[in-house]
Every structure is written in C-alpha cells, then in structure tokens.
Amino acid sequence: MKHFDIEGFLILIITFTLFMLALFFTGFTHDILLEAGVFLVSVKLIIMAHKASVSANKIERKLEEIKEILNKRK
C-alpha cells in the first residue's frame, strides 16, 4: 500500500460520487458517456501513478546495488 497515495483515492472517490450523481440526475443520456470518460481518465491516472512509483522504486534499488558494487571496488 505504500505506492498508493491518499490524494489519488480522494480524487477517485470524488469523481465516482459525481459520476453517480450525474447518473441519478440526468439518467442514461449521452452526457453520461462524458461522465464515464472523466471517471475512467481519473482511474487511468491513478494506475499510471502507481506504476511510476513501482518503477521508481525498482530503479532506486538497482542504483543502490550499483553503488554498493562500486564502493566494494575502491
């Protein structure tokens, strides 16, 4: 859970709430597709942030390994 941030979940919850309110007030009109698109973009951004965090941690671990190897050679 260290890769997930509270801001991302907060945005997801707010967007989902607005999506459900739009569904309730407007019904199944063409505007609901726009709302669904906004919700899916929010989800995609959160997924991308998670993947970037995982990738950054992997790179950091690899750099630490390289640093240790170089320090042993000195």
PDB file of N, CA and C in Angstrom:
ATOM      1  N   MET A   1       0.813  -1.208   0.000  1.00  0.00           N
ATOM      2  CA  MET A   1       0.000   0.000   0.000  1.00  0.00           C
ATOM      3  C   MET A   1       0.851   1.264   0.000  1.00  0.00           C
ATOM      4  N   LYS A   2       2.170   1.112   0.035  1.00  0.00           N
ATOM      5  CA  LYS A   2       2.994   2.309   0.090  1.00  0.00           C
ATOM      6  C   LYS A   2       3.033   3.048  -1.241  1.00  0.00           C
ATOM      7  N   HIS A   3       2.580   2.410  -2.319  1.00  0.00           N
ATOM      8  CA  HIS A   3       2.579   3.063  -3.628  1.00  0.00           C
ATOM      9  C   HIS A   3       1.314   3.874  -3.876  1.00  0.00           C
ATOM     10  N   PHE A   4       0.301   3.661  -3.054  1.00  0.00           N
ATOM     11  CA  PHE A   4      -0.958   4.364  -3.245  1.00  0.00           C
ATOM     12  C   PHE A   4      -0.986   5.593  -2.343  1.00  0.00           C
ATOM     13  N   ASP A   5      -1.395   6.700  -2.911  1.00  0.00           N
ATOM     14  CA  ASP A   5      -1.464   7.921  -2.111  1.00  0.00           C
ATOM     15  C   ASP A   5      -2.918   8.282  -1.827  1.00  0.00           C
ATOM     16  N   ILE A   6      -3.102   8.982  -0.746  1.00  0.00           N
ATOM     17  CA  ILE A   6      -4.449   9.347  -0.303  1.00  0.00           C
ATOM     18  C   ILE A   6      -5.098  10.330  -1.276  1.00  0.00           C
ATOM     19  N   GLU A   7      -4.291  11.167  -1.909  1.00  0.00           N
ATOM     20  CA  GLU A   7      -4.852  12.137  -2.857  1.00  0.00           C
ATOM     21  C   GLU A   7      -5.484  11.437  -4.052  1.00  0.00           C
ATOM     22  N   GLY A   8      -4.825  10.390  -4.545  1.00  0.00           N
ATOM     23  CA  GLY A   8      -5.368   9.648  -5.681  1.00  0.00           C
ATOM     24  C   GLY A   8      -6.697   8.995  -5.351  1.00  0.00           C
ATOM     25  N   PHE A   9      -6.766   8.387  -4.173  1.00  0.00           N
ATOM     26  CA  PHE A   9      -8.023   7.769  -3.766  1.00  0.00           C
ATOM     27  C   PHE A   9      -9.109   8.813  -3.535  1.00  0.00           C
ATOM     28  N   LEU A  10      -8.735   9.955  -2.998  1.00  0.00           N
ATOM     29  CA  LEU A  10      -9.706  11.022  -2.776  1.00  0.00           C
ATOM     30  C   LEU A  10     -10.281  11.511  -4.103  1.00  0.00           C
ATOM     31  N   ILE A  11      -9.422  11.695  -5.087  1.00  0.00           N
ATOM     32  CA  ILE A  11      -9.884  12.115  -6.414  1.00  0.00           C
ATOM     33  C   ILE A  11     -10.791  11.052  -7.023  1.00  0.00           C
ATOM     34  N   LEU A  12     -10.408   9.791  -6.850  1.00  0.00           N
ATOM     35  CA  LEU A  12     -11.221   8.699  -7.382  1.00  0.00           C
ATOM     36  C   LEU A  12     -12.601   8.673  -6.733  1.00  0.00           C
ATOM     37  N   ILE A  13     -12.655   8.842  -5.434  1.00  0.00           N
ATOM     38  CA  ILE A  13     -13.937   8.829  -4.715  1.00  0.00           C
ATOM     39  C   ILE A  13     -14.803  10.017  -5.125  1.00  0.00           C
ATOM     40  N   ILE A  14     -14.217  11.193  -5.224  1.00  0.00           N
ATOM     41  CA  ILE A  14     -14.981  12.380  -5.630  1.00  0.00           C
ATOM     42  C   ILE A  14     -15.508  12.220  -7.047  1.00  0.00           C
ATOM     43  N   THR A  15     -14.648  11.739  -7.950  1.00  0.00           N
ATOM     44  CA  THR A  15     -15.069  11.555  -9.341  1.00  0.00           C
ATOM     45  C   THR A  15     -16.176  10.514  -9.440  1.00  0.00           C
ATOM     46  N   PHE A  16     -16.037   9.420  -8.692  1.00  0.00           N
ATOM     47  CA  PHE A  16     -17.068   8.385  -8.719  1.00  0.00           C
ATOM     48  C   PHE A  16     -18.380   8.911  -8.149  1.00  0.00           C
ATOM     49  N   THR A  17     -18.300   9.707  -7.084  1.00  0.00           N
ATOM     50  CA  THR A  17     -19.501  10.299  -6.494  1.00  0.00           C
ATOM     51  C   THR A  17     -20.197  11.223  -7.491  1.00  0.00           C
ATOM     52  N   LEU A  18     -19.417  12.060  -8.142  1.00  0.00           N
ATOM     53  CA  LEU A  18     -20.004  12.948  -9.157  1.00  0.00           C
ATOM     54  C   LEU A  18     -20.590  12.151 -10.316  1.00  0.00           C
ATOM     55  N   PHE A  19     -19.929  11.062 -10.691  1.00  0.00           N
ATOM     56  CA  PHE A  19     -20.445  10.197 -11.752  1.00  0.00           C
ATOM     57  C   PHE A  19     -21.800   9.614 -11.362  1.00  0.00           C
ATOM     58  N   MET A  20     -21.899   9.129 -10.128  1.00  0.00           N
ATOM     59  CA  MET A  20     -23.165   8.551  -9.669  1.00  0.00           C
ATOM     60  C   MET A  20     -24.256   9.620  -9.558  1.00  0.00           C
ATOM     61  N   LEU A  21     -23.896  10.825  -9.114  1.00  0.00           N
ATOM     62  CA  LEU A  21     -24.874  11.909  -9.054  1.00  0.00           C
ATOM     63  C   LEU A  21     -25.357  12.289 -10.452  1.00  0.00           C
ATOM     64  N   ALA A  22     -24.427  12.328 -11.397  1.00  0.00           N
ATOM     65  CA  ALA A  22     -24.824  12.644 -12.774  1.00  0.00           C
ATOM     66  C   ALA A  22     -25.743  11.562 -13.322  1.00  0.00           C
ATOM     67  N   LEU A  23     -25.450  10.319 -12.994  1.00  0.00           N
ATOM     68  CA  LEU A  23     -26.304   9.223 -13.440  1.00  0.00           C
ATOM     69  C   LEU A  23     -27.698   9.345 -12.827  1.00  0.00           C
ATOM     70  N   PHE A  24     -27.749   9.714 -11.570  1.00  0.00           N
ATOM     71  CA  PHE A  24     -29.030   9.842 -10.869  1.00  0.00           C
ATOM     72  C   PHE A  24     -29.855  11.014 -11.408  1.00  0.00           C
ATOM     73  N   PHE A  25     -29.203  12.157 -11.635  1.00  0.00           N
ATOM     74  CA  PHE A  25     -29.939  13.354 -12.041  1.00  0.00           C
ATOM     75  C   PHE A  25     -30.217  13.432 -13.538  1.00  0.00           C
ATOM     76  N   THR A  26     -29.315  12.914 -14.368  1.00  0.00           N
ATOM     77  CA  THR A  26     -29.525  13.039 -15.815  1.00  0.00           C
ATOM     78  C   THR A  26     -30.026  11.760 -16.452  1.00  0.00           C
ATOM     79  N   GLY A  27     -29.861  10.651 -15.765  1.00  0.00           N
ATOM     80  CA  GLY A  27     -30.280   9.381 -16.342  1.00  0.00           C
ATOM     81  C   GLY A  27     -29.297   8.917 -17.390  1.00  0.00           C
ATOM     82  N   PHE A  28     -29.726   7.976 -18.198  1.00  0.00           N
ATOM     83  CA  PHE A  28     -28.853   7.421 -19.233  1.00  0.00           C
ATOM     84  C   PHE A  28     -28.979   8.235 -20.519  1.00  0.00           C
ATOM     85  N   THR A  29     -28.371   9.401 -20.520  1.00  0.00           N
ATOM     86  CA  THR A  29     -28.336  10.227 -21.732  1.00  0.00           C
ATOM     87  C   THR A  29     -26.921  10.181 -22.294  1.00  0.00           C
ATOM     88  N   HIS A  30     -26.703  10.910 -23.370  1.00  0.00           N
ATOM     89  CA  HIS A  30     -25.362  10.921 -23.964  1.00  0.00           C
ATOM     90  C   HIS A  30     -24.352  11.615 -23.055  1.00  0.00           C
ATOM     91  N   ASP A  31     -24.821  12.436 -22.110  1.00  0.00           N
ATOM     92  CA  ASP A  31     -23.908  13.104 -21.180  1.00  0.00           C
ATOM     93  C   ASP A  31     -23.252  12.118 -20.220  1.00  0.00           C
ATOM     94  N   ILE A  32     -23.896  10.987 -20.010  1.00  0.00           N
ATOM     95  CA  ILE A  32     -23.317  10.000 -19.101  1.00  0.00           C
ATOM     96  C   ILE A  32     -22.032   9.429 -19.677  1.00  0.00           C
ATOM     97  N   LEU A  33     -21.915   9.399 -20.990  1.00  0.00           N
ATOM     98  CA  LEU A  33     -20.670   8.934 -21.609  1.00  0.00           C
ATOM     99  C   LEU A  33     -19.513   9.871 -21.276  1.00  0.00           C
ATOM    100  N   LEU A  34     -19.787  11.154 -21.251  1.00  0.00           N
ATOM    101  CA  LEU A  34     -18.767  12.128 -20.862  1.00  0.00           C
ATOM    102  C   LEU A  34     -18.352  11.920 -19.411  1.00  0.00           C
ATOM    103  N   GLU A  35     -19.323  11.712 -18.553  1.00  0.00           N
ATOM    104  CA  GLU A  35     -19.025  11.476 -17.138  1.00  0.00           C
ATOM    105  C   GLU A  35     -18.220  10.192 -16.955  1.00  0.00           C
ATOM    106  N   ALA A  36     -18.592   9.158 -17.686  1.00  0.00           N
ATOM    107  CA  ALA A  36     -17.857   7.890 -17.601  1.00  0.00           C
ATOM    108  C   ALA A  36     -16.430   8.071 -18.100  1.00  0.00           C
ATOM    109  N   GLY A  37     -16.259   8.864 -19.129  1.00  0.00           N
ATOM    110  CA  GLY A  37     -14.925   9.146 -19.650  1.00  0.00           C
ATOM    111  C   GLY A  37     -14.051   9.856 -18.627  1.00  0.00           C
ATOM    112  N   VAL A  38     -14.616  10.828 -17.944  1.00  0.00           N
ATOM    113  CA  VAL A  38     -13.874  11.550 -16.908  1.00  0.00           C
ATOM    114  C   VAL A  38     -13.477  10.594 -15.783  1.00  0.00           C
ATOM    115  N   PHE A  39     -14.387   9.731 -15.387  1.00  0.00           N
ATOM    116  CA  PHE A  39     -14.091   8.758 -14.332  1.00  0.00           C
ATOM    117  C   PHE A  39     -12.972   7.818 -14.765  1.00  0.00           C
ATOM    118  N   LEU A  40     -13.045   7.325 -15.983  1.00  0.00           N
ATOM    119  CA  LEU A  40     -12.027   6.397 -16.470  1.00  0.00           C
ATOM    120  C   LEU A  40     -10.659   7.072 -16.602  1.00  0.00           C
ATOM    121  N   VAL A  41     -10.632   8.330 -16.980  1.00  0.00           N
ATOM    122  CA  VAL A  41      -9.360   9.064 -17.042  1.00  0.00           C
ATOM    123  C   VAL A  41      -8.760   9.184 -15.647  1.00  0.00           C
ATOM    124  N   SER A  42      -9.582   9.454 -14.655  1.00  0.00           N
ATOM    125  CA  SER A  42      -9.090   9.528 -13.273  1.00  0.00           C
ATOM    126  C   SER A  42      -8.503   8.194 -12.835  1.00  0.00           C
ATOM    127  N   VAL A  43      -9.181   7.112 -13.146  1.00  0.00           N
ATOM    128  CA  VAL A  43      -8.678   5.780 -12.798  1.00  0.00           C
ATOM    129  C   VAL A  43      -7.359   5.514 -13.516  1.00  0.00           C
ATOM    130  N   LYS A  44      -7.295   5.860 -14.774  1.00  0.00           N
ATOM    131  CA  LYS A  44      -6.072   5.638 -15.550  1.00  0.00           C
ATOM    132  C   LYS A  44      -4.905   6.437 -14.975  1.00  0.00           C
ATOM    133  N   LEU A  45      -5.132   7.665 -14.576  1.00  0.00           N
ATOM    134  CA  LEU A  45      -4.066   8.471 -13.988  1.00  0.00           C
ATOM    135  C   LEU A  45      -3.562   7.876 -12.682  1.00  0.00           C
ATOM    136  N   ILE A  46      -4.454   7.343 -11.888  1.00  0.00           N
ATOM    137  CA  ILE A  46      -4.051   6.719 -10.631  1.00  0.00           C
ATOM    138  C   ILE A  46      -3.246   5.450 -10.908  1.00  0.00           C
ATOM    139  N   ILE A  47      -3.658   4.664 -11.881  1.00  0.00           N
ATOM    140  CA  ILE A  47      -2.912   3.458 -12.249  1.00  0.00           C
ATOM    141  C   ILE A  47      -1.523   3.831 -12.762  1.00  0.00           C
ATOM    142  N   MET A  48      -1.441   4.872 -13.582  1.00  0.00           N
ATOM    143  CA  MET A  48      -0.146   5.310 -14.093  1.00  0.00           C
ATOM    144  C   MET A  48       0.761   5.807 -12.972  1.00  0.00           C
ATOM    145  N   ALA A  49       0.205   6.508 -12.001  1.00  0.00           N
ATOM    146  CA  ALA A  49       0.996   6.979 -10.868  1.00  0.00           C
ATOM    147  C   ALA A  49       1.523   5.801 -10.060  1.00  0.00           C
ATOM    148  N   HIS A  50       0.704   4.776  -9.891  1.00  0.00           N
ATOM    149  CA  HIS A  50       1.144   3.580  -9.168  1.00  0.00           C
ATOM    150  C   HIS A  50       2.289   2.899  -9.904  1.00  0.00           C
ATOM    151  N   LYS A  51       2.145   2.717 -11.210  1.00  0.00           N
ATOM    152  CA  LYS A  51       3.194   2.068 -11.994  1.00  0.00           C
ATOM    153  C   LYS A  51       4.485   2.877 -11.963  1.00  0.00           C
ATOM    154  N   ALA A  52       4.378   4.188 -12.009  1.00  0.00           N
ATOM    155  CA  ALA A  52       5.564   5.043 -11.945  1.00  0.00           C
ATOM    156  C   ALA A  52       6.255   4.909 -10.589  1.00  0.00           C
ATOM    157  N   SER A  53       5.474   4.808  -9.537  1.00  0.00           N
ATOM    158  CA  SER A  53       6.036   4.647  -8.197  1.00  0.00           C
ATOM    159  C   SER A  53       6.776   3.315  -8.076  1.00  0.00           C
ATOM    160  N   VAL A  54       6.177   2.255  -8.564  1.00  0.00           N
ATOM    161  CA  VAL A  54       6.814   0.939  -8.522  1.00  0.00           C
ATOM    162  C   VAL A  54       8.101   0.951  -9.348  1.00  0.00           C
ATOM    163  N   SER A  55       8.040   1.547 -10.516  1.00  0.00           N
ATOM    164  CA  SER A  55       9.213   1.629 -11.385  1.00  0.00           C
ATOM    165  C   SER A  55      10.328   2.449 -10.739  1.00  0.00           C
ATOM    166  N   ALA A  56       9.982   3.553 -10.122  1.00  0.00           N
ATOM    167  CA  ALA A  56      10.985   4.395  -9.468  1.00  0.00           C
ATOM    168  C   ALA A  56      11.652   3.641  -8.319  1.00  0.00           C
ATOM    169  N   ASN A  57      10.891   2.850  -7.585  1.00  0.00           N
ATOM    170  CA  ASN A  57      11.470   2.056  -6.502  1.00  0.00           C
ATOM    171  C   ASN A  57      12.424   0.995  -7.028  1.00  0.00           C
ATOM    172  N   LYS A  58      12.072   0.360  -8.144  1.00  0.00           N
ATOM    173  CA  LYS A  58      12.962  -0.633  -8.753  1.00  0.00           C
ATOM    174  C   LYS A  58      14.268   0.018  -9.188  1.00  0.00           C
ATOM    175  N   ILE A  59      14.162   1.164  -9.827  1.00  0.00           N
ATOM    176  CA  ILE A  59      15.356   1.871 -10.287  1.00  0.00           C
ATOM    177  C   ILE A  59      16.223   2.283  -9.106  1.00  0.00           C
ATOM    178  N   GLU A  60      15.594   2.729  -8.049  1.00  0.00           N
ATOM    179  CA  GLU A  60      16.342   3.131  -6.859  1.00  0.00           C
ATOM    180  C   GLU A  60      17.085   1.946  -6.244  1.00  0.00           C
ATOM    181  N   ARG A  61      16.431   0.801  -6.190  1.00  0.00           N
ATOM    182  CA  ARG A  61      17.102  -0.403  -5.660  1.00  0.00           C
ATOM    183  C   ARG A  61      18.284  -0.796  -6.527  1.00  0.00           C
ATOM    184  N   LYS A  62      18.114  -0.744  -7.842  1.00  0.00           N
ATOM    185  CA  LYS A  62      19.201  -1.096  -8.755  1.00  0.00           C
ATOM    186  C   LYS A  62      20.374  -0.119  -8.601  1.00  0.00           C
ATOM    187  N   LEU A  63      20.082   1.160  -8.451  1.00  0.00           N
ATOM    188  CA  LEU A  63      21.150   2.146  -8.271  1.00  0.00           C
ATOM    189  C   LEU A  63      21.897   1.921  -6.962  1.00  0.00           C
ATOM    190  N   GLU A  64      21.174   1.512  -5.924  1.00  0.00           N
ATOM    191  CA  GLU A  64      21.824   1.202  -4.652  1.00  0.00           C
ATOM    192  C   GLU A  64      22.749  -0.008  -4.806  1.00  0.00           C
ATOM    193  N   GLU A  65      22.316  -1.011  -5.559  1.00  0.00           N
ATOM    194  CA  GLU A  65      23.161  -2.173  -5.810  1.00  0.00           C
ATOM    195  C   GLU A  65      24.428  -1.771  -6.558  1.00  0.00           C
ATOM    196  N   ILE A  66      24.280  -0.928  -7.566  1.00  0.00           N
ATOM    197  CA  ILE A  66      25.437  -0.463  -8.330  1.00  0.00           C
ATOM    198  C   ILE A  66      26.378   0.331  -7.440  1.00  0.00           C
ATOM    199  N   LYS A  67      25.820   1.154  -6.592  1.00  0.00           N
ATOM    200  CA  LYS A  67      26.626   1.945  -5.657  1.00  0.00           C
ATOM    201  C   LYS A  67      27.415   1.045  -4.714  1.00  0.00           C
ATOM    202  N   GLU A  68      26.774   0.004  -4.199  1.00  0.00           N
ATOM    203  CA  GLU A  68      27.457  -0.938  -3.311  1.00  0.00           C
ATOM    204  C   GLU A  68      28.590  -1.660  -4.029  1.00  0.00           C
ATOM    205  N   ILE A  69      28.350  -2.068  -5.265  1.00  0.00           N
ATOM    206  CA  ILE A  69      29.394  -2.746  -6.044  1.00  0.00           C
ATOM    207  C   ILE A  69      30.568  -1.821  -6.277  1.00  0.00           C
ATOM    208  N   LEU A  70      30.293  -0.577  -6.626  1.00  0.00           N
ATOM    209  CA  LEU A  70      31.374   0.382  -6.856  1.00  0.00           C
ATOM    210  C   LEU A  70      32.144   0.699  -5.579  1.00  0.00           C
ATOM    211  N   ASN A  71      31.448   0.767  -4.442  1.00  0.00           N
ATOM    212  CA  ASN A  71      32.129   1.030  -3.180  1.00  0.00           C
ATOM    213  C   ASN A  71      33.013  -0.148  -2.772  1.00  0.00           C
ATOM    214  N   LYS A  72      32.639  -1.374  -3.110  1.00  0.00           N
ATOM    215  CA  LYS A  72      33.456  -2.552  -2.803  1.00  0.00           C
ATOM    216  C   LYS A  72      34.739  -2.559  -3.618  1.00  0.00           C
ATOM    217  N   ARG A  73      34.705  -2.000  -4.801  1.00  0.00           N
ATOM    218  CA  ARG A  73      35.874  -1.997  -5.695  1.00  0.00           C
ATOM    219  C   ARG A  73      36.941  -1.009  -5.238  1.00  0.00           C
ATOM    220  N   LYS A  74      36.542  -0.019  -4.449  1.00  0.00           N
ATOM    221  CA  LYS A  74      37.508   1.010  -4.028  1.00  0.00           C
ATOM    222  C   LYS A  74      38.464   0.515  -3.010  1.00  0.00           C
TER     223      LYS A  74
END
